[in-house]
Amino acid sequence: VVVPFVLVFITILMLGYDYRMAIVTGAAIAATSIGVSKRKFKSIGQENCDTACIVKGASIVDDIIGVVVISVLTIILPTDLMNTNEWRMGLVKVVITFFAILLIGFIIVKLDKIIKSRNFRATHHHEIIMGTIIFIFSLAFIANFLGVSAVIGSYFAGLILSMTRLKDTLLKFIEPITEVFIAPVYFISKGLAL
C-alpha cells in the first residue's frame, strides 16, 4: 500500500500537479481489490490453495487500509488544511464510524454464534437476502450519517457478513447480481464522472 502510494504521489508532483491531486491519485492506485485476486485464483482452479488464502488475506488487509485512507482523504481534502479544527472533527467522525461499525460487527458475529449453537436453520432464502440488504443499507446509512461515504458502510457490512454462517448462501444469490448488474453500473458511473 505504501510503496505504490509514495511512487504515484511523487510522480504526480513531478508532473506539476498540486499535492491534493497527488494524494488522491496515490490513494486510488494504492487501493487494490480483493475481487481481482479472487477471480484470478478461481479462473485457474486454485481458489482454496494455501497461496490463494494468503493472497486473499493480504488483499483484505490492503482493502481495509485503502478504505481507511480514502475515508480520511474525503474528510481532509475538501477542508482548509490550516483550519485544524475542521479536519480534526472530520477525523473524529471517521474514527467514530469505524468504532460503530466494529461494534455492530462484533454483535452480529456473536449473535450468529449463539443462533448456530441452537441449531437454527435458515430455510427462507428470500428473507435472508432481504435482511442482508437491510443490513447493508443500514450500515451505509450510519456511515453516511456520520460523515463518511456510504460505500464504506456497505464494504464493512460485507466483511461482517463474511464472518457468519450465511456467507455461502449470500454469495450464491448476491454474486451473480453484482457481476451482471451492480459492478457494470458502478464502473459506468465512475467513467461518466471523469
C-alpha atoms as a PDB file:
ATOM      1  CA  VAL A   1       0.000   0.000   0.000  1.00  0.00           C
ATOM      2  CA  VAL A   2       2.712   2.476   0.994  1.00  0.00           C
ATOM      3  CA  VAL A   3       5.121   1.959  -1.915  1.00  0.00           C
ATOM      4  CA  PRO A   4       2.581   2.489  -4.734  1.00  0.00           C
ATOM      5  CA  PHE A   5       1.128   5.486  -2.891  1.00  0.00           C
ATOM      6  CA  VAL A   6       4.537   7.149  -2.473  1.00  0.00           C
ATOM      7  CA  LEU A   7       5.650   6.412  -6.055  1.00  0.00           C
ATOM      8  CA  VAL A   8       2.457   7.783  -7.582  1.00  0.00           C
ATOM      9  CA  PHE A   9       2.443  10.756  -5.194  1.00  0.00           C
ATOM     10  CA  ILE A  10       5.991  11.738  -6.235  1.00  0.00           C
ATOM     11  CA  THR A  11       5.241  11.145  -9.932  1.00  0.00           C
ATOM     12  CA  ILE A  12       2.131  13.350  -9.887  1.00  0.00           C
ATOM     13  CA  LEU A  13       4.026  16.121  -8.078  1.00  0.00           C
ATOM     14  CA  MET A  14       6.849  15.889 -10.644  1.00  0.00           C
ATOM     15  CA  LEU A  15       4.261  16.239 -13.423  1.00  0.00           C
ATOM     16  CA  GLY A  16       3.350  19.624 -11.959  1.00  0.00           C
ATOM     17  CA  TYR A  17       0.049  18.873 -10.230  1.00  0.00           C
ATOM     18  CA  ASP A  18      -0.710  20.061  -6.690  1.00  0.00           C
ATOM     19  CA  TYR A  19      -0.422  17.905  -3.578  1.00  0.00           C
ATOM     20  CA  ARG A  20      -4.183  17.254  -3.417  1.00  0.00           C
ATOM     21  CA  MET A  21      -4.191  15.663  -6.874  1.00  0.00           C
ATOM     22  CA  ALA A  22      -1.090  13.658  -5.904  1.00  0.00           C
ATOM     23  CA  ILE A  23      -2.730  12.383  -2.711  1.00  0.00           C
ATOM     24  CA  VAL A  24      -5.981  11.367  -4.402  1.00  0.00           C
ATOM     25  CA  THR A  25      -4.204   9.665  -7.308  1.00  0.00           C
ATOM     26  CA  GLY A  26      -1.816   7.868  -4.948  1.00  0.00           C
ATOM     27  CA  ALA A  27      -4.693   6.626  -2.788  1.00  0.00           C
ATOM     28  CA  ALA A  28      -6.649   5.436  -5.831  1.00  0.00           C
ATOM     29  CA  ILE A  29      -3.681   3.498  -7.211  1.00  0.00           C
ATOM     30  CA  ALA A  30      -2.797   2.010  -3.822  1.00  0.00           C
ATOM     31  CA  ALA A  31      -6.299   0.634  -3.259  1.00  0.00           C
ATOM     32  CA  THR A  32      -6.486  -2.771  -4.911  1.00  0.00           C
ATOM     33  CA  SER A  33      -9.458  -5.088  -4.899  1.00  0.00           C
ATOM     34  CA  ILE A  34      -9.798  -8.492  -3.300  1.00  0.00           C
ATOM     35  CA  GLY A  35     -12.219  -9.357  -6.100  1.00  0.00           C
ATOM     36  CA  VAL A  36      -9.425  -9.250  -8.675  1.00  0.00           C
ATOM     37  CA  SER A  37      -7.246 -11.638  -6.661  1.00  0.00           C
ATOM     38  CA  LYS A  38     -10.169 -13.955  -6.004  1.00  0.00           C
ATOM     39  CA  ARG A  39     -11.182 -14.137  -9.663  1.00  0.00           C
ATOM     40  CA  LYS A  40      -7.625 -14.859 -10.811  1.00  0.00           C
ATOM     41  CA  PHE A  41      -7.258 -17.831  -8.467  1.00  0.00           C
ATOM     42  CA  LYS A  42     -10.768 -19.040  -9.335  1.00  0.00           C
ATOM     43  CA  SER A  43     -10.022 -18.894 -13.071  1.00  0.00           C
ATOM     44  CA  ILE A  44      -7.074 -21.281 -12.658  1.00  0.00           C
ATOM     45  CA  GLY A  45      -8.959 -23.542 -10.231  1.00  0.00           C
ATOM     46  CA  GLN A  46      -6.743 -22.740  -7.242  1.00  0.00           C
ATOM     47  CA  GLU A  47      -9.090 -20.635  -5.097  1.00  0.00           C
ATOM     48  CA  ASN A  48      -8.675 -22.842  -1.987  1.00  0.00           C
ATOM     49  CA  CYS A  49      -4.909 -23.448  -2.044  1.00  0.00           C
ATOM     50  CA  ASP A  50      -2.600 -22.043   0.655  1.00  0.00           C
ATOM     51  CA  THR A  51      -1.204 -19.348  -1.630  1.00  0.00           C
ATOM     52  CA  ALA A  52      -4.701 -18.140  -2.531  1.00  0.00           C
ATOM     53  CA  CYS A  53      -5.644 -17.921   1.163  1.00  0.00           C
ATOM     54  CA  ILE A  54      -2.531 -15.858   1.913  1.00  0.00           C
ATOM     55  CA  VAL A  55      -3.127 -13.540  -1.043  1.00  0.00           C
ATOM     56  CA  LYS A  56      -6.813 -13.131  -0.133  1.00  0.00           C
ATOM     57  CA  GLY A  57      -5.882 -12.332   3.476  1.00  0.00           C
ATOM     58  CA  ALA A  58      -3.354  -9.745   2.344  1.00  0.00           C
ATOM     59  CA  SER A  59      -5.909  -8.318  -0.092  1.00  0.00           C
ATOM     60  CA  ILE A  60      -8.433  -7.888   2.716  1.00  0.00           C
ATOM     61  CA  VAL A  61      -5.884  -6.032   4.841  1.00  0.00           C
ATOM     62  CA  ASP A  62      -4.935  -3.937   1.810  1.00  0.00           C
ATOM     63  CA  ASP A  63      -8.602  -3.141   1.121  1.00  0.00           C
ATOM     64  CA  ILE A  64      -9.189  -2.094   4.726  1.00  0.00           C
ATOM     65  CA  ILE A  65      -6.142   0.183   4.686  1.00  0.00           C
ATOM     66  CA  GLY A  66      -7.296   1.631   1.362  1.00  0.00           C
ATOM     67  CA  VAL A  67     -10.803   2.243   2.709  1.00  0.00           C
ATOM     68  CA  VAL A  68      -9.428   3.995   5.790  1.00  0.00           C
ATOM     69  CA  VAL A  69      -7.066   6.144   3.705  1.00  0.00           C
ATOM     70  CA  ILE A  70      -9.808   7.145   1.279  1.00  0.00           C
ATOM     71  CA  SER A  71     -12.179   7.900   4.172  1.00  0.00           C
ATOM     72  CA  VAL A  72      -9.616  10.164   5.781  1.00  0.00           C
ATOM     73  CA  LEU A  73      -8.847  11.842   2.457  1.00  0.00           C
ATOM     74  CA  THR A  74     -12.513  12.578   1.753  1.00  0.00           C
ATOM     75  CA  ILE A  75     -12.615  14.413   5.069  1.00  0.00           C
ATOM     76  CA  ILE A  76      -9.276  16.240   4.860  1.00  0.00           C
ATOM     77  CA  LEU A  77      -9.012  17.262   1.197  1.00  0.00           C
ATOM     78  CA  PRO A  78     -12.122  19.466   0.942  1.00  0.00           C
ATOM     79  CA  THR A  79     -11.119  21.349   4.098  1.00  0.00           C
ATOM     80  CA  ASP A  80      -8.671  24.144   4.640  1.00  0.00           C
ATOM     81  CA  LEU A  81      -5.582  22.364   5.972  1.00  0.00           C
ATOM     82  CA  MET A  82      -4.746  25.419   8.066  1.00  0.00           C
ATOM     83  CA  ASN A  83      -8.085  25.113   9.865  1.00  0.00           C
ATOM     84  CA  THR A  84      -7.101  22.247  12.162  1.00  0.00           C
ATOM     85  CA  ASN A  85     -10.466  22.148  13.958  1.00  0.00           C
ATOM     86  CA  GLU A  86     -12.313  21.360  10.723  1.00  0.00           C
ATOM     87  CA  TRP A  87     -10.207  18.373   9.678  1.00  0.00           C
ATOM     88  CA  ARG A  88      -9.821  17.144  13.258  1.00  0.00           C
ATOM     89  CA  MET A  89     -13.610  16.941  13.504  1.00  0.00           C
ATOM     90  CA  GLY A  90     -13.595  15.045  10.213  1.00  0.00           C
ATOM     91  CA  LEU A  91     -11.081  12.555  11.574  1.00  0.00           C
ATOM     92  CA  VAL A  92     -13.153  12.150  14.738  1.00  0.00           C
ATOM     93  CA  LYS A  93     -16.156  11.300  12.526  1.00  0.00           C
ATOM     94  CA  VAL A  94     -14.109   8.656  10.701  1.00  0.00           C
ATOM     95  CA  VAL A  95     -12.942   7.111  13.987  1.00  0.00           C
ATOM     96  CA  ILE A  96     -16.491   7.113  15.410  1.00  0.00           C
ATOM     97  CA  THR A  97     -17.794   5.494  12.224  1.00  0.00           C
ATOM     98  CA  PHE A  98     -15.218   2.707  12.335  1.00  0.00           C
ATOM     99  CA  PHE A  99     -15.811   2.025  16.027  1.00  0.00           C
ATOM    100  CA  ALA A 100     -19.597   1.973  15.493  1.00  0.00           C
ATOM    101  CA  ILE A 101     -19.222  -0.463  12.607  1.00  0.00           C
ATOM    102  CA  LEU A 102     -16.753  -2.572  14.609  1.00  0.00           C
ATOM    103  CA  LEU A 103     -19.233  -2.761  17.495  1.00  0.00           C
ATOM    104  CA  ILE A 104     -22.093  -3.712  15.170  1.00  0.00           C
ATOM    105  CA  GLY A 105     -19.882  -6.347  13.544  1.00  0.00           C
ATOM    106  CA  PHE A 106     -18.927  -7.803  16.919  1.00  0.00           C
ATOM    107  CA  ILE A 107     -22.604  -8.043  17.890  1.00  0.00           C
ATOM    108  CA  ILE A 108     -23.614  -9.665  14.571  1.00  0.00           C
ATOM    109  CA  VAL A 109     -20.851 -12.283  14.765  1.00  0.00           C
ATOM    110  CA  LYS A 110     -21.732 -13.094  18.416  1.00  0.00           C
ATOM    111  CA  LEU A 111     -25.436 -13.398  17.534  1.00  0.00           C
ATOM    112  CA  ASP A 112     -24.543 -15.698  14.653  1.00  0.00           C
ATOM    113  CA  LYS A 113     -22.607 -17.969  17.023  1.00  0.00           C
ATOM    114  CA  ILE A 114     -25.500 -18.032  19.506  1.00  0.00           C
ATOM    115  CA  ILE A 115     -28.005 -18.861  16.768  1.00  0.00           C
ATOM    116  CA  LYS A 116     -25.671 -21.519  15.338  1.00  0.00           C
ATOM    117  CA  SER A 117     -25.308 -23.168  18.766  1.00  0.00           C
ATOM    118  CA  ARG A 118     -29.096 -23.548  18.915  1.00  0.00           C
ATOM    119  CA  ASN A 119     -29.159 -25.365  15.536  1.00  0.00           C
ATOM    120  CA  PHE A 120     -31.340 -22.730  13.890  1.00  0.00           C
ATOM    121  CA  ARG A 121     -31.527 -23.354  10.160  1.00  0.00           C
ATOM    122  CA  ALA A 122     -32.426 -20.599   7.776  1.00  0.00           C
ATOM    123  CA  THR A 123     -34.692 -22.054   5.123  1.00  0.00           C
ATOM    124  CA  HIS A 124     -36.316 -18.948   3.663  1.00  0.00           C
ATOM    125  CA  HIS A 125     -33.670 -17.563   1.332  1.00  0.00           C
ATOM    126  CA  HIS A 126     -35.796 -14.571   0.323  1.00  0.00           C
ATOM    127  CA  GLU A 127     -35.929 -13.384   3.928  1.00  0.00           C
ATOM    128  CA  ILE A 128     -32.188 -13.875   4.329  1.00  0.00           C
ATOM    129  CA  ILE A 129     -31.467 -11.797   1.222  1.00  0.00           C
ATOM    130  CA  MET A 130     -33.906  -9.050   2.267  1.00  0.00           C
ATOM    131  CA  GLY A 131     -32.435  -8.963   5.778  1.00  0.00           C
ATOM    132  CA  THR A 132     -28.963  -8.741   4.263  1.00  0.00           C
ATOM    133  CA  ILE A 133     -29.952  -5.844   2.024  1.00  0.00           C
ATOM    134  CA  ILE A 134     -31.494  -4.035   5.005  1.00  0.00           C
ATOM    135  CA  PHE A 135     -28.289  -4.625   6.999  1.00  0.00           C
ATOM    136  CA  ILE A 136     -26.084  -3.337   4.159  1.00  0.00           C
ATOM    137  CA  PHE A 137     -28.204  -0.219   3.678  1.00  0.00           C
ATOM    138  CA  SER A 138     -28.301   0.344   7.441  1.00  0.00           C
ATOM    139  CA  LEU A 139     -24.503   0.363   7.715  1.00  0.00           C
ATOM    140  CA  ALA A 140     -24.301   2.546   4.607  1.00  0.00           C
ATOM    141  CA  PHE A 141     -26.757   4.972   6.227  1.00  0.00           C
ATOM    142  CA  ILE A 142     -24.827   5.010   9.512  1.00  0.00           C
ATOM    143  CA  ALA A 143     -21.553   5.704   7.706  1.00  0.00           C
ATOM    144  CA  ASN A 144     -23.130   8.449   5.606  1.00  0.00           C
ATOM    145  CA  PHE A 145     -24.874   9.959   8.639  1.00  0.00           C
ATOM    146  CA  LEU A 146     -21.552  10.120  10.491  1.00  0.00           C
ATOM    147  CA  GLY A 147     -19.923  11.936   7.576  1.00  0.00           C
ATOM    148  CA  VAL A 148     -18.140   9.074   5.819  1.00  0.00           C
ATOM    149  CA  SER A 149     -19.002   7.638   2.398  1.00  0.00           C
ATOM    150  CA  ALA A 150     -21.906   5.172   2.346  1.00  0.00           C
ATOM    151  CA  VAL A 151     -19.658   2.829   0.349  1.00  0.00           C
ATOM    152  CA  ILE A 152     -17.528   2.387   3.480  1.00  0.00           C
ATOM    153  CA  GLY A 153     -20.529   1.147   5.456  1.00  0.00           C
ATOM    154  CA  SER A 154     -21.514  -1.232   2.666  1.00  0.00           C
ATOM    155  CA  TYR A 155     -17.971  -2.593   2.401  1.00  0.00           C
ATOM    156  CA  PHE A 156     -17.777  -3.326   6.118  1.00  0.00           C
ATOM    157  CA  ALA A 157     -21.263  -4.889   6.025  1.00  0.00           C
ATOM    158  CA  GLY A 158     -19.841  -7.354   3.519  1.00  0.00           C
ATOM    159  CA  LEU A 159     -16.836  -8.060   5.732  1.00  0.00           C
ATOM    160  CA  ILE A 160     -19.076  -8.622   8.753  1.00  0.00           C
ATOM    161  CA  LEU A 161     -21.401 -10.942   6.855  1.00  0.00           C
ATOM    162  CA  SER A 162     -18.415 -12.907   5.542  1.00  0.00           C
ATOM    163  CA  MET A 163     -17.752 -13.964   9.141  1.00  0.00           C
ATOM    164  CA  THR A 164     -21.207 -15.515   9.555  1.00  0.00           C
ATOM    165  CA  ARG A 165     -22.547 -18.892   8.522  1.00  0.00           C
ATOM    166  CA  LEU A 166     -24.733 -17.180   5.895  1.00  0.00           C
ATOM    167  CA  LYS A 167     -21.700 -16.327   3.765  1.00  0.00           C
ATOM    168  CA  ASP A 168     -22.111 -19.140   1.228  1.00  0.00           C
ATOM    169  CA  THR A 169     -25.862 -18.597   0.866  1.00  0.00           C
ATOM    170  CA  LEU A 170     -25.382 -14.868   0.367  1.00  0.00           C
ATOM    171  CA  LEU A 171     -22.593 -15.364  -2.167  1.00  0.00           C
ATOM    172  CA  LYS A 172     -24.751 -17.746  -4.161  1.00  0.00           C
ATOM    173  CA  PHE A 173     -27.539 -15.175  -4.500  1.00  0.00           C
ATOM    174  CA  ILE A 174     -25.682 -11.846  -4.487  1.00  0.00           C
ATOM    175  CA  GLU A 175     -22.582 -12.578  -6.604  1.00  0.00           C
ATOM    176  CA  PRO A 176     -24.489 -13.032  -9.895  1.00  0.00           C
ATOM    177  CA  ILE A 177     -26.441  -9.812  -9.296  1.00  0.00           C
ATOM    178  CA  THR A 178     -23.211  -7.959  -8.554  1.00  0.00           C
ATOM    179  CA  GLU A 179     -21.316  -9.265 -11.573  1.00  0.00           C
ATOM    180  CA  VAL A 180     -24.132  -8.749 -14.064  1.00  0.00           C
ATOM    181  CA  PHE A 181     -25.732  -5.534 -12.834  1.00  0.00           C
ATOM    182  CA  ILE A 182     -24.153  -3.641  -9.927  1.00  0.00           C
ATOM    183  CA  ALA A 183     -20.461  -3.732 -10.932  1.00  0.00           C
ATOM    184  CA  PRO A 184     -21.079  -2.521 -14.512  1.00  0.00           C
ATOM    185  CA  VAL A 185     -23.353   0.298 -13.288  1.00  0.00           C
ATOM    186  CA  TYR A 186     -20.730   1.317 -10.714  1.00  0.00           C
ATOM    187  CA  PHE A 187     -17.942   1.474 -13.290  1.00  0.00           C
ATOM    188  CA  ILE A 188     -20.152   3.294 -15.808  1.00  0.00           C
ATOM    189  CA  SER A 189     -20.929   5.950 -13.184  1.00  0.00           C
ATOM    190  CA  LYS A 190     -17.213   6.349 -12.388  1.00  0.00           C
ATOM    191  CA  GLY A 191     -16.346   6.586 -16.076  1.00  0.00           C
ATOM    192  CA  LEU A 192     -19.036   9.197 -16.687  1.00  0.00           C
ATOM    193  CA  ALA A 193     -17.725  11.259 -13.765  1.00  0.00           C
ATOM    194  CA  LEU A 194     -14.324  11.702 -15.452  1.00  0.00           C
END
